[in-house]
Protein backbone atom coordinates (compact mmCIF):
# COMPACT_ATOMS: atom_id res chain seq x y z
CA MET A 1 -7.25 45.68 -13.38
CA MET A 2 -7.86 44.82 -9.73
CA LEU A 3 -10.85 42.62 -10.67
CA ALA A 4 -8.73 40.77 -13.22
CA ASN A 5 -6.09 40.08 -10.55
CA LEU A 6 -8.75 38.79 -8.16
CA LEU A 7 -10.17 36.49 -10.84
CA LEU A 8 -6.71 35.21 -11.67
CA ALA A 9 -5.97 34.57 -8.00
CA ALA A 10 -9.29 32.74 -7.60
CA ALA A 11 -8.54 30.59 -10.65
CA LEU A 12 -5.13 29.67 -9.23
CA VAL A 13 -6.57 28.79 -5.83
CA SER A 14 -9.77 27.02 -6.86
CA PRO A 15 -8.21 23.83 -8.28
CA VAL A 16 -6.39 23.13 -5.02
CA VAL A 17 -9.53 23.92 -3.02
CA ALA A 18 -11.54 21.56 -5.25
CA ALA A 19 -9.01 18.71 -4.91
CA PRO A 20 -10.21 17.46 -1.49
CA ASP A 21 -13.79 17.17 -2.78
CA VAL A 22 -12.63 15.34 -5.90
CA THR A 23 -10.39 13.09 -3.80
CA ALA A 24 -13.25 12.28 -1.41
CA ARG A 25 -15.54 11.37 -4.33
CA ALA A 26 -12.79 9.27 -5.90
CA LYS A 27 -12.21 7.35 -2.64
CA ILE A 28 -15.89 6.43 -2.55
CA LEU A 29 -15.77 5.24 -6.17
CA MET A 30 -12.53 3.31 -5.60
CA ARG A 31 -14.15 1.35 -2.79
CA ALA A 32 -17.47 0.86 -4.63
CA GLY A 33 -16.13 -1.92 -6.83
CA GLU A 34 -14.48 -2.71 -10.12
CA THR A 35 -17.00 -0.91 -12.33
CA SER A 36 -16.39 2.41 -10.53
CA GLN A 37 -12.62 2.16 -10.28
CA PRO A 38 -11.70 3.56 -13.73
CA GLN A 39 -13.68 6.70 -12.88
CA ALA A 40 -11.95 6.85 -9.46
CA ARG A 41 -8.55 6.58 -11.16
CA ALA A 42 -9.42 9.47 -13.48
CA LEU A 43 -10.62 11.64 -10.58
CA PHE A 44 -7.51 10.89 -8.53
CA GLU A 45 -5.36 11.84 -11.51
CA GLN A 46 -7.27 15.11 -11.86
CA ALA A 47 -6.88 15.96 -8.17
CA ALA A 48 -3.22 14.89 -8.10
CA GLY A 49 -2.58 17.18 -11.05
CA GLN A 50 -4.10 20.00 -8.99
CA GLY A 51 -1.62 19.41 -6.17
CA SER A 52 -3.35 16.86 -3.95
CA GLY A 53 -0.86 14.59 -2.19
CA PRO A 54 -3.58 12.19 -0.98
CA ALA A 55 -4.92 11.85 -4.55
CA ALA A 56 -1.43 11.01 -5.81
CA TYR A 57 -1.15 8.43 -3.02
CA TYR A 58 -4.42 6.71 -3.90
CA LEU A 59 -3.62 6.84 -7.62
CA GLY A 60 -0.29 5.17 -6.87
CA LEU A 61 -2.07 2.45 -4.92
CA MET A 62 -4.51 1.90 -7.78
CA PHE A 63 -1.66 1.48 -10.26
CA LYS A 64 0.25 -0.76 -7.83
CA ASN A 65 -2.72 -3.05 -7.32
CA GLY A 66 -4.20 -2.93 -10.82
CA MET A 67 -7.39 -1.23 -9.71
CA GLY A 68 -9.36 0.57 -12.42
CA GLY A 69 -6.91 -0.44 -15.12
CA PRO A 70 -3.75 -2.44 -15.68
CA GLN A 71 -1.19 -2.85 -12.95
CA ASP A 72 1.84 -0.63 -13.57
CA SER A 73 4.60 -0.66 -10.95
CA ALA A 74 6.57 2.14 -12.60
CA ALA A 75 3.54 4.47 -12.69
CA ALA A 76 2.68 3.43 -9.13
CA LEU A 77 6.13 4.41 -7.91
CA ARG A 78 6.01 7.74 -9.75
CA TRP A 79 2.68 8.67 -8.14
CA LEU A 80 3.70 7.40 -4.72
CA GLU A 81 6.94 9.38 -4.82
CA LEU A 82 4.98 12.48 -5.83
CA ALA A 83 2.66 11.90 -2.86
CA ALA A 84 5.70 11.36 -0.63
CA GLN A 85 7.16 14.66 -1.81
CA ARG A 86 3.83 16.20 -0.79
CA GLN A 87 4.34 14.82 2.74
CA VAL A 88 1.96 11.84 2.63
CA ALA A 89 3.62 9.46 5.15
CA PRO A 90 2.01 6.19 3.94
CA ALA A 91 3.27 6.99 0.44
CA MET A 92 6.78 7.48 1.82
CA PHE A 93 6.60 4.05 3.44
CA ILE A 94 5.25 2.21 0.38
CA ALA A 95 7.71 3.95 -1.95
CA ALA A 96 10.56 2.91 0.37
CA ASN A 97 9.47 -0.71 0.17
CA MET A 98 9.02 -0.62 -3.59
CA LEU A 99 12.57 0.72 -3.94
CA LEU A 100 14.25 -1.79 -1.64
CA ALA A 101 15.36 -4.14 -4.42
CA SER A 102 16.51 -1.47 -6.88
CA ASP A 103 17.74 1.57 -4.93
CA GLU A 104 18.54 0.92 -1.26
CA ALA A 105 19.74 4.49 -0.63
CA GLN A 106 16.49 5.98 -1.97
CA ALA A 107 14.52 3.38 -0.01
CA ARG A 108 16.29 4.48 3.19
CA TYR A 109 15.61 8.12 2.31
CA TRP A 110 11.85 7.53 2.12
CA LEU A 111 11.83 5.22 5.15
CA ASP A 112 13.66 7.87 7.18
CA ALA A 113 11.19 10.52 5.96
CA ALA A 114 8.27 8.33 7.02
CA CYS A 115 9.95 7.83 10.41
CA ASP A 116 10.35 11.61 10.74
CA ALA A 117 6.59 11.83 10.13
CA GLN A 118 6.07 9.28 12.95
CA TYR A 119 4.49 6.71 10.62
CA PRO A 120 4.23 3.61 12.85
CA GLU A 121 4.99 0.97 10.23
CA ALA A 122 8.10 2.85 9.12
CA LEU A 123 9.32 3.14 12.70
CA GLN A 124 8.78 -0.58 13.16
CA GLN A 125 10.57 -1.47 9.91
CA LYS A 126 13.53 0.75 10.80
CA SER A 127 13.62 -0.87 14.22
CA VAL A 128 14.08 -4.28 12.63
CA ALA A 129 16.60 -2.96 10.09
CA LEU A 130 18.71 -1.42 12.86
CA ALA A 131 18.52 -4.50 15.06
CA GLU A 132 19.61 -6.71 12.16
CA GLY A 133 21.90 -4.26 10.38
CA GLY A 134 19.71 -4.42 7.27
CA MET A 135 18.86 -1.94 4.51
CA GLY A 136 22.33 -0.45 4.79
CA TYR A 137 21.81 0.73 8.38
CA ALA A 138 24.57 -0.04 10.85
CA HIS A 139 23.73 -2.80 13.32
CA ASN A 140 22.54 -1.06 16.50
CA GLU A 141 20.25 -3.03 18.79
CA GLU A 142 19.89 -0.15 21.27
CA GLN A 143 18.72 2.24 18.58
CA GLY A 144 16.52 -0.53 17.13
CA HIS A 145 14.82 -0.88 20.50
CA LEU A 146 14.31 2.89 20.66
CA TYR A 147 12.60 2.84 17.23
CA LEU A 148 10.41 -0.05 18.38
CA MET A 149 9.29 1.99 21.40
CA MET A 150 8.60 4.95 19.12
CA ALA A 151 6.55 2.69 16.82
CA THR A 152 4.53 1.42 19.76
CA HIS A 153 3.80 4.99 20.86
CA ALA A 154 2.96 6.12 17.31
CA MET A 155 0.43 3.28 16.94
CA GLY A 156 -1.65 4.93 19.66
CA HIS A 157 -1.58 8.31 17.89
CA ARG A 158 -2.20 7.28 14.30
CA PRO A 159 -3.53 10.14 12.14
CA PRO A 160 -6.55 9.49 9.93
CA GLU A 161 -5.94 8.11 6.45
CA PRO A 162 -5.00 10.71 3.83
């Protein structure tokens, strides 16, 4: 009985452990050119299904840009939001920008989340939105300046890509 529990626990853990390796291989294939991109898309989907936020992010980018298959903005947004839910800051930022035209409140939600994660581009975008009173934020030049200073600082401490 104890051995069966250990095997079950290993089976539950192993897909998540394998996801970074699959994601790393998929990133190489994605960047290798058009002929390798369908395989990269399939590997990202496999890893994203196993819980990898970075894989969901790259899969969303591939759908957004039509890499490895047809462009599909709806699928891109689904994958990017999944990656955002898994705390991938660049996915939060891209999802926010994809949602700007259709759902400003949700766009602000993801932009604020990316700012909380100290994602430089999000801090910069919020700085402009505050200074101009855009995206549904109240006009506040002082707070806009603060976000610009935070963006400048965050640029010097950028984490590696997911």
